[in-house]
Amino acid sequence: MKILAIETATDICSIGFINNGKCAALVEDRIPREHAERLPLFYQELIKQTDLELNNIDTIAVSIGPGSFTGLRIGLSYAKGLAYSHSKPIIPVPTLESLVFGSNIDFKNAIVLLLSHGNKYYLQQFQKSGDSYEGDEIQPIELHSIKELVDLTKDTKIIHYGCEKLFDDKSISFETINPSARFIGELAAINYDKWVNKEPYQIVPQYISPFKIGG
């Protein structure tokens, strides 16, 4: 299976080519507020690297959120444009689940944190079951220190992106994972039958609100 994968949920813009479940090529960079201008250029660079043709792609995978309101809209709009023009299905991939997948950490329980803005974050808990994992409902939450989650973090792996200022307690370990089209595409390949959407016009970004006060 050949998948074109797009990740724009944060300040990282990333596009990749996934062939038979593995990332064959990747173009990405941290470019805050430049996704709309640079994503088409990244796509052209990916074409040059791989000589791939969209006609030969089976599907397009895109990070669906939560994350940056503008970034998610840009990524999904671009994915829809490519899908419409070549009659391809889209696989919407949960952003926080892709970070768990990308961490490649052996865990029983994990928490994923993603910065929204200011002191506001998205939080999701995951539990390992066999070779897969299940995620609880995503929580929008306001935090000032990881200590506010001390009851949740016991015996739990913490995976995050953009949340460094929370970790003022050095006794609590964490893993920083950068969002990437690689994780989006490889996770989409695993979950193709479950997540594929052959009517892309129905897909909308996963915006999560409102926020609540933590601690």
N, C-alpha and C. Protein backbone atom coordinates (compact mmCIF):
# COMPACT_ATOMS: atom_id res chain seq x y z
N MET A 1 0.84 -1.19 0.00
CA MET A 1 0.00 0.00 0.00
C MET A 1 0.88 1.25 0.00
N LYS A 2 0.48 2.25 -0.80
CA LYS A 2 1.22 3.50 -0.90
C LYS A 2 0.36 4.63 -0.34
N ILE A 3 0.94 5.37 0.61
CA ILE A 3 0.20 6.41 1.31
C ILE A 3 0.98 7.72 1.27
N LEU A 4 0.28 8.80 0.95
CA LEU A 4 0.82 10.14 1.11
C LEU A 4 0.33 10.66 2.45
N ALA A 5 1.24 11.03 3.35
CA ALA A 5 0.87 11.43 4.71
C ALA A 5 1.21 12.89 4.97
N ILE A 6 0.32 13.57 5.69
CA ILE A 6 0.47 15.00 5.97
C ILE A 6 0.28 15.25 7.47
N GLU A 7 1.18 16.03 8.06
CA GLU A 7 1.09 16.41 9.47
C GLU A 7 1.30 17.92 9.60
N THR A 8 0.25 18.64 10.03
CA THR A 8 0.34 20.10 10.21
C THR A 8 -0.36 20.55 11.49
N ALA A 9 -0.49 19.67 12.47
CA ALA A 9 -1.25 19.99 13.68
C ALA A 9 -0.52 20.92 14.63
N THR A 10 0.79 21.10 14.43
CA THR A 10 1.57 21.96 15.32
C THR A 10 2.41 22.92 14.47
N ASP A 11 3.49 23.44 15.05
CA ASP A 11 4.37 24.33 14.28
C ASP A 11 5.26 23.55 13.32
N ILE A 12 5.19 22.22 13.36
CA ILE A 12 5.93 21.38 12.42
C ILE A 12 5.06 21.10 11.19
N CYS A 13 5.64 21.30 10.03
CA CYS A 13 4.98 20.95 8.77
C CYS A 13 5.71 19.75 8.19
N SER A 14 4.98 18.69 7.89
CA SER A 14 5.62 17.43 7.50
C SER A 14 4.77 16.70 6.46
N ILE A 15 5.44 16.15 5.47
CA ILE A 15 4.76 15.36 4.44
C ILE A 15 5.65 14.17 4.09
N GLY A 16 5.05 13.01 3.95
CA GLY A 16 5.85 11.81 3.72
C GLY A 16 5.20 10.82 2.79
N PHE A 17 6.01 9.92 2.28
CA PHE A 17 5.55 8.84 1.42
C PHE A 17 5.76 7.53 2.17
N ILE A 18 4.67 6.80 2.41
CA ILE A 18 4.71 5.53 3.12
C ILE A 18 4.47 4.41 2.12
N ASN A 19 5.40 3.49 2.04
CA ASN A 19 5.30 2.39 1.09
C ASN A 19 5.35 1.06 1.85
N ASN A 20 4.27 0.30 1.72
CA ASN A 20 4.18 -1.00 2.41
C ASN A 20 4.41 -0.87 3.92
N GLY A 21 3.81 0.15 4.51
CA GLY A 21 3.82 0.32 5.95
C GLY A 21 5.02 1.03 6.53
N LYS A 22 6.01 1.39 5.70
CA LYS A 22 7.22 2.05 6.20
C LYS A 22 7.45 3.36 5.45
N CYS A 23 8.01 4.33 6.16
CA CYS A 23 8.27 5.64 5.56
C CYS A 23 9.45 5.54 4.60
N ALA A 24 9.19 5.86 3.32
CA ALA A 24 10.22 5.80 2.29
C ALA A 24 10.87 7.15 2.03
N ALA A 25 10.15 8.24 2.33
CA ALA A 25 10.69 9.58 2.11
C ALA A 25 9.91 10.56 2.99
N LEU A 26 10.61 11.62 3.43
CA LEU A 26 10.01 12.56 4.36
C LEU A 26 10.59 13.96 4.14
N VAL A 27 9.71 14.96 4.11
CA VAL A 27 10.14 16.36 4.05
C VAL A 27 9.43 17.08 5.19
N GLU A 28 10.19 17.66 6.13
CA GLU A 28 9.55 18.31 7.26
C GLU A 28 10.47 19.37 7.86
N ASP A 29 9.83 20.32 8.56
CA ASP A 29 10.59 21.39 9.22
C ASP A 29 9.66 22.08 10.22
N ARG A 30 10.25 22.71 11.21
CA ARG A 30 9.47 23.51 12.16
C ARG A 30 9.35 24.91 11.59
N ILE A 31 8.15 25.28 11.14
CA ILE A 31 7.93 26.55 10.45
C ILE A 31 6.64 27.20 10.95
N PRO A 32 6.65 27.79 12.12
CA PRO A 32 5.43 28.41 12.66
C PRO A 32 4.81 29.41 11.69
N ARG A 33 3.51 29.27 11.48
CA ARG A 33 2.70 30.20 10.67
C ARG A 33 3.10 30.25 9.20
N GLU A 34 3.78 29.22 8.70
CA GLU A 34 4.15 29.20 7.28
C GLU A 34 3.62 27.97 6.56
N HIS A 35 2.73 27.23 7.19
CA HIS A 35 2.26 25.97 6.61
C HIS A 35 1.60 26.15 5.25
N ALA A 36 0.77 27.17 5.13
CA ALA A 36 0.03 27.36 3.87
C ALA A 36 0.98 27.60 2.70
N GLU A 37 2.05 28.35 2.95
CA GLU A 37 3.01 28.65 1.89
C GLU A 37 3.95 27.48 1.61
N ARG A 38 4.36 26.77 2.65
CA ARG A 38 5.41 25.78 2.49
C ARG A 38 4.92 24.37 2.20
N LEU A 39 3.71 24.01 2.62
CA LEU A 39 3.24 22.64 2.38
C LEU A 39 3.26 22.27 0.91
N PRO A 40 2.76 23.12 -0.01
CA PRO A 40 2.85 22.76 -1.43
C PRO A 40 4.30 22.60 -1.91
N LEU A 41 5.22 23.40 -1.35
CA LEU A 41 6.63 23.28 -1.73
C LEU A 41 7.21 21.97 -1.20
N PHE A 42 6.82 21.60 0.01
CA PHE A 42 7.28 20.33 0.58
C PHE A 42 6.77 19.16 -0.27
N TYR A 43 5.53 19.28 -0.75
CA TYR A 43 4.96 18.23 -1.60
C TYR A 43 5.78 18.09 -2.89
N GLN A 44 6.13 19.22 -3.50
CA GLN A 44 6.92 19.17 -4.72
C GLN A 44 8.30 18.57 -4.47
N GLU A 45 8.88 18.87 -3.31
CA GLU A 45 10.18 18.30 -2.97
C GLU A 45 10.06 16.79 -2.78
N LEU A 46 8.96 16.35 -2.16
CA LEU A 46 8.74 14.92 -1.99
C LEU A 46 8.61 14.22 -3.34
N ILE A 47 7.92 14.85 -4.27
CA ILE A 47 7.79 14.30 -5.62
C ILE A 47 9.16 14.12 -6.27
N LYS A 48 10.02 15.13 -6.09
CA LYS A 48 11.36 15.06 -6.67
C LYS A 48 12.17 13.92 -6.05
N GLN A 49 12.03 13.73 -4.76
CA GLN A 49 12.80 12.70 -4.06
C GLN A 49 12.38 11.29 -4.45
N THR A 50 11.12 11.11 -4.78
CA THR A 50 10.58 9.76 -4.92
C THR A 50 10.09 9.42 -6.33
N ASP A 51 9.88 10.44 -7.16
CA ASP A 51 9.27 10.23 -8.49
C ASP A 51 7.88 9.61 -8.38
N LEU A 52 7.24 9.78 -7.22
CA LEU A 52 5.90 9.21 -7.07
C LEU A 52 4.89 10.02 -7.87
N GLU A 53 3.83 9.37 -8.27
CA GLU A 53 2.72 10.01 -8.95
C GLU A 53 1.46 9.79 -8.14
N LEU A 54 0.66 10.84 -7.97
CA LEU A 54 -0.52 10.73 -7.13
C LEU A 54 -1.49 9.68 -7.64
N ASN A 55 -1.49 9.45 -8.92
CA ASN A 55 -2.35 8.40 -9.48
C ASN A 55 -2.04 7.03 -8.90
N ASN A 56 -0.79 6.83 -8.47
CA ASN A 56 -0.38 5.52 -7.95
C ASN A 56 -0.49 5.42 -6.43
N ILE A 57 -0.93 6.50 -5.79
CA ILE A 57 -1.13 6.48 -4.34
C ILE A 57 -2.47 5.83 -4.03
N ASP A 58 -2.51 4.99 -3.00
CA ASP A 58 -3.76 4.34 -2.61
C ASP A 58 -4.65 5.24 -1.78
N THR A 59 -4.04 6.05 -0.92
CA THR A 59 -4.83 6.90 -0.04
C THR A 59 -3.97 8.03 0.50
N ILE A 60 -4.62 9.03 1.09
CA ILE A 60 -3.93 10.17 1.71
C ILE A 60 -4.28 10.18 3.18
N ALA A 61 -3.26 10.19 4.03
CA ALA A 61 -3.46 10.23 5.48
C ALA A 61 -3.14 11.62 5.99
N VAL A 62 -3.94 12.10 6.94
CA VAL A 62 -3.72 13.46 7.45
C VAL A 62 -3.99 13.49 8.95
N SER A 63 -3.15 14.23 9.65
CA SER A 63 -3.33 14.44 11.09
C SER A 63 -4.60 15.25 11.30
N ILE A 64 -5.54 14.72 12.11
CA ILE A 64 -6.87 15.30 12.19
C ILE A 64 -7.10 16.10 13.47
N GLY A 65 -6.12 16.06 14.42
CA GLY A 65 -6.27 16.84 15.63
C GLY A 65 -6.36 15.97 16.87
N PRO A 66 -6.35 16.65 18.02
CA PRO A 66 -6.39 18.11 18.18
C PRO A 66 -5.03 18.74 17.88
N GLY A 67 -5.05 20.08 17.85
CA GLY A 67 -3.84 20.82 17.55
C GLY A 67 -4.17 22.24 17.15
N SER A 68 -3.29 22.85 16.39
CA SER A 68 -3.47 24.22 15.93
C SER A 68 -4.69 24.33 15.02
N PHE A 69 -5.59 25.25 15.35
CA PHE A 69 -6.79 25.46 14.55
C PHE A 69 -6.44 25.72 13.09
N THR A 70 -5.50 26.64 12.87
CA THR A 70 -5.12 26.99 11.50
C THR A 70 -4.35 25.86 10.84
N GLY A 71 -3.41 25.27 11.56
CA GLY A 71 -2.61 24.20 10.99
C GLY A 71 -3.45 23.01 10.54
N LEU A 72 -4.41 22.61 11.37
CA LEU A 72 -5.28 21.48 11.01
C LEU A 72 -6.10 21.79 9.76
N ARG A 73 -6.62 22.99 9.68
CA ARG A 73 -7.41 23.39 8.50
C ARG A 73 -6.56 23.35 7.23
N ILE A 74 -5.32 23.82 7.33
CA ILE A 74 -4.44 23.85 6.17
C ILE A 74 -4.13 22.43 5.70
N GLY A 75 -3.76 21.57 6.63
CA GLY A 75 -3.41 20.19 6.27
C GLY A 75 -4.58 19.44 5.67
N LEU A 76 -5.76 19.55 6.30
CA LEU A 76 -6.92 18.83 5.80
C LEU A 76 -7.39 19.39 4.46
N SER A 77 -7.36 20.71 4.31
CA SER A 77 -7.75 21.32 3.03
C SER A 77 -6.85 20.86 1.90
N TYR A 78 -5.55 20.79 2.18
CA TYR A 78 -4.61 20.34 1.15
C TYR A 78 -4.85 18.87 0.82
N ALA A 79 -5.07 18.06 1.85
CA ALA A 79 -5.34 16.64 1.62
C ALA A 79 -6.62 16.45 0.82
N LYS A 80 -7.65 17.23 1.12
CA LYS A 80 -8.92 17.13 0.39
C LYS A 80 -8.73 17.54 -1.07
N GLY A 81 -7.94 18.59 -1.31
CA GLY A 81 -7.70 19.02 -2.68
C GLY A 81 -7.05 17.93 -3.51
N LEU A 82 -6.04 17.26 -2.94
CA LEU A 82 -5.39 16.16 -3.64
C LEU A 82 -6.34 14.98 -3.81
N ALA A 83 -7.12 14.71 -2.79
CA ALA A 83 -8.06 13.58 -2.86
C ALA A 83 -9.13 13.81 -3.91
N TYR A 84 -9.70 15.00 -3.94
CA TYR A 84 -10.73 15.30 -4.93
C TYR A 84 -10.20 15.21 -6.35
N SER A 85 -9.00 15.75 -6.55
CA SER A 85 -8.45 15.84 -7.91
C SER A 85 -8.10 14.47 -8.48
N HIS A 86 -7.87 13.48 -7.60
CA HIS A 86 -7.47 12.16 -8.09
C HIS A 86 -8.36 11.04 -7.56
N SER A 87 -9.52 11.42 -7.01
CA SER A 87 -10.51 10.42 -6.52
C SER A 87 -9.89 9.43 -5.54
N LYS A 88 -9.20 9.98 -4.53
CA LYS A 88 -8.55 9.14 -3.53
C LYS A 88 -9.27 9.26 -2.19
N PRO A 89 -9.30 8.19 -1.40
CA PRO A 89 -9.86 8.28 -0.05
C PRO A 89 -8.88 8.96 0.89
N ILE A 90 -9.38 9.38 2.04
CA ILE A 90 -8.55 10.00 3.07
C ILE A 90 -8.64 9.17 4.35
N ILE A 91 -7.51 9.07 5.05
CA ILE A 91 -7.49 8.44 6.37
C ILE A 91 -7.20 9.53 7.40
N PRO A 92 -8.18 9.94 8.21
CA PRO A 92 -7.92 10.89 9.28
C PRO A 92 -7.28 10.18 10.46
N VAL A 93 -6.13 10.67 10.89
CA VAL A 93 -5.35 10.00 11.95
C VAL A 93 -5.32 10.88 13.20
N PRO A 94 -5.73 10.36 14.36
CA PRO A 94 -5.70 11.14 15.60
C PRO A 94 -4.27 11.58 15.95
N THR A 95 -4.10 12.87 16.16
CA THR A 95 -2.76 13.43 16.38
C THR A 95 -2.09 12.85 17.63
N LEU A 96 -2.81 12.79 18.75
CA LEU A 96 -2.19 12.32 19.99
C LEU A 96 -1.85 10.84 19.91
N GLU A 97 -2.68 10.07 19.24
CA GLU A 97 -2.37 8.65 19.08
C GLU A 97 -1.12 8.46 18.23
N SER A 98 -0.91 9.35 17.27
CA SER A 98 0.30 9.23 16.44
C SER A 98 1.55 9.49 17.27
N LEU A 99 1.46 10.33 18.31
CA LEU A 99 2.61 10.57 19.17
C LEU A 99 2.93 9.35 20.02
N VAL A 100 1.89 8.67 20.51
CA VAL A 100 2.12 7.41 21.23
C VAL A 100 2.79 6.41 20.31
N PHE A 101 2.27 6.29 19.11
CA PHE A 101 2.83 5.36 18.12
C PHE A 101 4.29 5.71 17.82
N GLY A 102 4.56 6.99 17.65
CA GLY A 102 5.91 7.42 17.31
C GLY A 102 6.91 7.27 18.44
N SER A 103 6.42 7.24 19.67
CA SER A 103 7.33 7.13 20.81
C SER A 103 8.02 5.77 20.86
N ASN A 104 7.33 4.75 20.38
CA ASN A 104 7.88 3.38 20.38
C ASN A 104 8.31 2.96 21.78
N ILE A 105 7.58 3.47 22.78
CA ILE A 105 7.89 3.15 24.18
C ILE A 105 7.05 1.97 24.63
N ASP A 106 7.67 1.04 25.32
CA ASP A 106 6.94 -0.08 25.89
C ASP A 106 6.31 0.38 27.20
N PHE A 107 5.00 0.49 27.25
CA PHE A 107 4.34 1.00 28.42
C PHE A 107 3.05 0.23 28.69
N LYS A 108 2.62 0.30 29.93
CA LYS A 108 1.30 -0.22 30.28
C LYS A 108 0.29 0.91 30.27
N ASN A 109 0.71 2.06 30.81
CA ASN A 109 -0.12 3.25 30.82
C ASN A 109 0.71 4.44 30.35
N ALA A 110 0.08 5.34 29.60
CA ALA A 110 0.79 6.52 29.11
C ALA A 110 -0.15 7.71 29.08
N ILE A 111 0.44 8.87 29.27
CA ILE A 111 -0.27 10.15 29.10
C ILE A 111 0.41 10.90 27.97
N VAL A 112 -0.38 11.44 27.06
CA VAL A 112 0.14 12.30 26.00
C VAL A 112 -0.33 13.72 26.25
N LEU A 113 0.60 14.66 26.21
CA LEU A 113 0.29 16.07 26.37
C LEU A 113 0.74 16.83 25.13
N LEU A 114 -0.11 17.72 24.66
CA LEU A 114 0.22 18.56 23.50
C LEU A 114 -0.17 20.00 23.83
N LEU A 115 0.76 20.92 23.64
CA LEU A 115 0.47 22.33 23.90
C LEU A 115 -0.57 22.85 22.92
N SER A 116 -1.56 23.57 23.47
CA SER A 116 -2.50 24.30 22.63
C SER A 116 -2.02 25.75 22.50
N HIS A 117 -2.10 26.50 23.59
CA HIS A 117 -1.59 27.86 23.64
C HIS A 117 -1.55 28.31 25.10
N GLY A 118 -0.63 29.22 25.42
CA GLY A 118 -0.53 29.70 26.78
C GLY A 118 -0.27 28.55 27.75
N ASN A 119 -1.13 28.43 28.75
CA ASN A 119 -1.05 27.33 29.71
C ASN A 119 -2.11 26.28 29.46
N LYS A 120 -2.58 26.21 28.24
CA LYS A 120 -3.64 25.28 27.88
C LYS A 120 -3.07 24.12 27.04
N TYR A 121 -3.50 22.91 27.39
CA TYR A 121 -2.94 21.71 26.79
C TYR A 121 -4.05 20.71 26.46
N TYR A 122 -3.73 19.79 25.56
CA TYR A 122 -4.59 18.64 25.31
C TYR A 122 -3.95 17.43 26.00
N LEU A 123 -4.77 16.65 26.69
CA LEU A 123 -4.29 15.49 27.43
C LEU A 123 -5.11 14.27 27.06
N GLN A 124 -4.44 13.16 26.84
CA GLN A 124 -5.13 11.90 26.59
C GLN A 124 -4.37 10.76 27.26
N GLN A 125 -5.09 9.88 27.93
CA GLN A 125 -4.50 8.71 28.57
C GLN A 125 -4.67 7.49 27.68
N PHE A 126 -3.63 6.66 27.62
CA PHE A 126 -3.63 5.45 26.83
C PHE A 126 -3.28 4.26 27.69
N GLN A 127 -3.87 3.10 27.36
CA GLN A 127 -3.57 1.85 28.05
C GLN A 127 -3.18 0.81 27.01
N LYS A 128 -2.11 0.08 27.31
CA LYS A 128 -1.64 -0.96 26.41
C LYS A 128 -2.45 -2.23 26.61
N SER A 129 -2.83 -2.84 25.49
CA SER A 129 -3.57 -4.10 25.54
C SER A 129 -3.02 -5.00 24.44
N GLY A 130 -2.17 -5.96 24.83
CA GLY A 130 -1.53 -6.80 23.81
C GLY A 130 -0.57 -5.96 22.99
N ASP A 131 -0.74 -6.00 21.67
CA ASP A 131 0.11 -5.22 20.77
C ASP A 131 -0.50 -3.88 20.40
N SER A 132 -1.67 -3.56 20.95
CA SER A 132 -2.34 -2.31 20.62
C SER A 132 -2.56 -1.49 21.89
N TYR A 133 -3.16 -0.33 21.75
CA TYR A 133 -3.43 0.53 22.89
C TYR A 133 -4.76 1.24 22.66
N GLU A 134 -5.40 1.56 23.76
CA GLU A 134 -6.70 2.23 23.71
C GLU A 134 -6.57 3.59 24.39
N GLY A 135 -7.19 4.60 23.80
CA GLY A 135 -7.13 5.94 24.36
C GLY A 135 -8.44 6.36 25.00
N ASP A 136 -8.34 7.04 26.15
CA ASP A 136 -9.52 7.62 26.78
C ASP A 136 -9.93 8.89 26.03
N GLU A 137 -10.98 9.52 26.48
CA GLU A 137 -11.44 10.76 25.86
C GLU A 137 -10.39 11.85 26.03
N ILE A 138 -10.18 12.65 25.00
CA ILE A 138 -9.22 13.75 25.05
C ILE A 138 -9.75 14.85 25.97
N GLN A 139 -8.88 15.36 26.85
CA GLN A 139 -9.26 16.41 27.78
C GLN A 139 -8.52 17.70 27.47
N PRO A 140 -9.23 18.80 27.27
CA PRO A 140 -8.56 20.11 27.25
C PRO A 140 -8.37 20.56 28.69
N ILE A 141 -7.16 20.98 29.04
CA ILE A 141 -6.88 21.26 30.45
C ILE A 141 -5.89 22.42 30.57
N GLU A 142 -6.04 23.22 31.60
CA GLU A 142 -5.09 24.30 31.89
C GLU A 142 -4.14 23.82 32.98
N LEU A 143 -2.84 23.95 32.72
CA LEU A 143 -1.81 23.48 33.65
C LEU A 143 -0.72 24.52 33.80
N HIS A 144 -0.09 24.52 34.99
CA HIS A 144 1.08 25.37 35.22
C HIS A 144 2.29 24.55 35.64
N SER A 145 2.05 23.30 36.04
CA SER A 145 3.14 22.41 36.45
C SER A 145 2.68 20.97 36.30
N ILE A 146 3.62 20.10 35.99
CA ILE A 146 3.29 18.69 35.88
C ILE A 146 2.87 18.12 37.24
N LYS A 147 3.23 18.82 38.32
CA LYS A 147 2.84 18.38 39.66
C LYS A 147 1.32 18.33 39.82
N GLU A 148 0.60 19.12 39.02
CA GLU A 148 -0.85 19.13 39.10
C GLU A 148 -1.45 17.82 38.61
N LEU A 149 -0.64 17.00 37.93
CA LEU A 149 -1.09 15.71 37.42
C LEU A 149 -0.46 14.55 38.17
N VAL A 150 0.02 14.81 39.37
CA VAL A 150 0.78 13.80 40.09
C VAL A 150 -0.01 12.51 40.29
N ASP A 151 -1.32 12.63 40.48
CA ASP A 151 -2.13 11.42 40.67
C ASP A 151 -2.24 10.60 39.39
N LEU A 152 -2.11 11.26 38.24
CA LEU A 152 -2.22 10.55 36.97
C LEU A 152 -0.88 9.99 36.50
N THR A 153 0.20 10.62 36.90
CA THR A 153 1.51 10.27 36.33
C THR A 153 2.22 9.13 37.06
N LYS A 154 1.68 8.67 38.17
CA LYS A 154 2.32 7.56 38.88
C LYS A 154 2.29 6.30 38.04
N ASP A 155 3.45 5.68 37.87
CA ASP A 155 3.59 4.45 37.08
C ASP A 155 3.07 4.62 35.65
N THR A 156 3.26 5.81 35.11
CA THR A 156 2.75 6.14 33.79
C THR A 156 3.83 6.84 32.97
N LYS A 157 3.98 6.45 31.72
CA LYS A 157 4.89 7.13 30.81
C LYS A 157 4.26 8.45 30.37
N ILE A 158 5.06 9.51 30.30
CA ILE A 158 4.57 10.80 29.83
C ILE A 158 5.23 11.11 28.50
N ILE A 159 4.41 11.34 27.50
CA ILE A 159 4.86 11.67 26.15
C ILE A 159 4.31 13.04 25.81
N HIS A 160 5.12 13.92 25.24
CA HIS A 160 4.60 15.27 24.99
C HIS A 160 5.27 15.92 23.78
N TYR A 161 4.64 17.01 23.35
CA TYR A 161 5.28 17.92 22.40
C TYR A 161 4.90 19.35 22.81
N GLY A 162 5.92 20.19 22.96
CA GLY A 162 5.71 21.60 23.25
C GLY A 162 5.40 21.93 24.69
N CYS A 163 5.62 21.00 25.61
CA CYS A 163 5.19 21.19 27.00
C CYS A 163 6.36 21.27 27.99
N GLU A 164 7.53 21.66 27.52
CA GLU A 164 8.72 21.63 28.37
C GLU A 164 8.57 22.44 29.65
N LYS A 165 7.87 23.56 29.59
CA LYS A 165 7.79 24.42 30.77
C LYS A 165 7.01 23.80 31.92
N LEU A 166 6.27 22.73 31.65
CA LEU A 166 5.53 22.06 32.71
C LEU A 166 6.43 21.22 33.61
N PHE A 167 7.57 20.78 33.08
CA PHE A 167 8.37 19.77 33.78
C PHE A 167 9.39 20.41 34.71
N ASP A 168 8.86 21.09 35.75
CA ASP A 168 9.72 21.72 36.74
C ASP A 168 10.09 20.75 37.86
N ASP A 169 9.46 19.58 37.86
CA ASP A 169 9.79 18.54 38.83
C ASP A 169 10.67 17.51 38.13
N LYS A 170 11.97 17.55 38.43
CA LYS A 170 12.93 16.70 37.72
C LYS A 170 12.79 15.22 38.06
N SER A 171 12.00 14.91 39.08
CA SER A 171 11.81 13.51 39.45
C SER A 171 10.82 12.81 38.52
N ILE A 172 10.10 13.59 37.72
CA ILE A 172 9.12 13.03 36.80
C ILE A 172 9.73 12.98 35.40
N SER A 173 9.91 11.78 34.86
CA SER A 173 10.54 11.63 33.55
C SER A 173 9.50 11.77 32.44
N PHE A 174 9.98 12.17 31.28
CA PHE A 174 9.09 12.36 30.15
C PHE A 174 9.85 12.13 28.85
N GLU A 175 9.10 11.93 27.79
CA GLU A 175 9.68 11.70 26.46
C GLU A 175 9.10 12.74 25.50
N THR A 176 9.99 13.51 24.85
CA THR A 176 9.55 14.49 23.87
C THR A 176 9.49 13.83 22.50
N ILE A 177 8.34 13.91 21.85
CA ILE A 177 8.15 13.32 20.52
C ILE A 177 7.69 14.41 19.55
N ASN A 178 8.44 14.62 18.48
CA ASN A 178 8.03 15.59 17.47
C ASN A 178 6.99 14.99 16.54
N PRO A 179 5.86 15.66 16.33
CA PRO A 179 4.89 15.17 15.36
C PRO A 179 5.52 15.01 13.98
N SER A 180 5.11 13.99 13.24
CA SER A 180 5.72 13.70 11.95
C SER A 180 4.74 12.98 11.03
N ALA A 181 4.83 13.28 9.75
CA ALA A 181 4.03 12.56 8.76
C ALA A 181 4.40 11.09 8.72
N ARG A 182 5.59 10.77 9.15
CA ARG A 182 6.00 9.36 9.22
C ARG A 182 5.04 8.58 10.13
N PHE A 183 4.80 9.13 11.33
CA PHE A 183 3.92 8.44 12.28
C PHE A 183 2.48 8.41 11.76
N ILE A 184 2.05 9.51 11.15
CA ILE A 184 0.69 9.58 10.60
C ILE A 184 0.49 8.50 9.54
N GLY A 185 1.44 8.39 8.61
CA GLY A 185 1.32 7.43 7.51
C GLY A 185 1.44 5.99 7.94
N GLU A 186 2.40 5.72 8.83
CA GLU A 186 2.59 4.33 9.26
C GLU A 186 1.42 3.86 10.12
N LEU A 187 0.87 4.74 10.95
CA LEU A 187 -0.30 4.38 11.75
C LEU A 187 -1.53 4.22 10.86
N ALA A 188 -1.63 5.04 9.82
CA ALA A 188 -2.73 4.90 8.87
C ALA A 188 -2.68 3.56 8.15
N ALA A 189 -1.48 3.12 7.82
CA ALA A 189 -1.34 1.83 7.14
C ALA A 189 -1.84 0.69 8.01
N ILE A 190 -1.56 0.76 9.31
CA ILE A 190 -2.00 -0.28 10.23
C ILE A 190 -3.52 -0.29 10.39
N ASN A 191 -4.11 0.91 10.39
CA ASN A 191 -5.54 1.04 10.67
C ASN A 191 -6.38 1.37 9.43
N TYR A 192 -5.86 1.04 8.24
CA TYR A 192 -6.54 1.42 7.01
C TYR A 192 -8.01 0.99 6.99
N ASP A 193 -8.28 -0.28 7.23
CA ASP A 193 -9.65 -0.78 7.13
C ASP A 193 -10.59 -0.12 8.13
N LYS A 194 -10.06 0.27 9.27
CA LYS A 194 -10.89 0.84 10.33
C LYS A 194 -11.13 2.34 10.14
N TRP A 195 -10.13 3.05 9.57
CA TRP A 195 -10.20 4.51 9.54
C TRP A 195 -10.45 5.11 8.16
N VAL A 196 -10.30 4.37 7.09
CA VAL A 196 -10.39 4.97 5.76
C VAL A 196 -11.76 5.59 5.53
N ASN A 197 -11.78 6.74 4.88
CA ASN A 197 -13.02 7.46 4.58
C ASN A 197 -13.04 7.76 3.08
N LYS A 198 -13.98 7.14 2.40
CA LYS A 198 -14.04 7.29 0.94
C LYS A 198 -14.92 8.47 0.52
N GLU A 199 -15.40 9.24 1.49
CA GLU A 199 -16.16 10.46 1.22
C GLU A 199 -15.50 11.61 1.96
N PRO A 200 -14.36 12.09 1.47
CA PRO A 200 -13.53 13.06 2.19
C PRO A 200 -14.24 14.36 2.55
N TYR A 201 -15.27 14.73 1.79
CA TYR A 201 -15.94 16.00 2.05
C TYR A 201 -16.59 16.02 3.43
N GLN A 202 -16.81 14.87 4.03
CA GLN A 202 -17.45 14.78 5.34
C GLN A 202 -16.47 14.99 6.50
N ILE A 203 -15.19 14.95 6.22
CA ILE A 203 -14.18 15.00 7.29
C ILE A 203 -13.95 16.44 7.75
N VAL A 204 -13.93 16.62 9.07
CA VAL A 204 -13.60 17.93 9.66
C VAL A 204 -12.52 17.72 10.72
N PRO A 205 -11.72 18.76 10.98
CA PRO A 205 -10.69 18.62 12.02
C PRO A 205 -11.31 18.35 13.39
N GLN A 206 -10.55 17.70 14.25
CA GLN A 206 -11.01 17.40 15.60
C GLN A 206 -10.60 18.53 16.53
N TYR A 207 -11.46 19.54 16.61
CA TYR A 207 -11.22 20.64 17.53
C TYR A 207 -11.78 20.25 18.90
N ILE A 208 -11.01 20.49 19.94
CA ILE A 208 -11.43 20.11 21.30
C ILE A 208 -11.57 21.38 22.14
N SER A 209 -12.74 21.58 22.76
CA SER A 209 -12.98 22.71 23.65
C SER A 209 -14.23 22.39 24.48
N PRO A 210 -14.47 23.08 25.57
CA PRO A 210 -13.66 24.19 26.13
C PRO A 210 -12.58 23.64 27.05
N PHE A 211 -11.74 24.56 27.55
CA PHE A 211 -10.70 24.18 28.52
C PHE A 211 -11.24 24.27 29.94
N LYS A 212 -10.62 23.49 30.83
CA LYS A 212 -10.98 23.56 32.25
C LYS A 212 -9.72 23.76 33.08
N ILE A 213 -9.91 24.25 34.26
CA ILE A 213 -8.79 24.55 35.13
C ILE A 213 -8.30 23.28 35.83
N GLY A 214 -6.99 23.03 35.79
CA GLY A 214 -6.44 21.86 36.46
C GLY A 214 -5.90 22.23 37.83
N GLY A 215 -5.40 21.20 38.56
CA GLY A 215 -4.77 21.45 39.85
C GLY A 215 -5.75 21.29 41.01
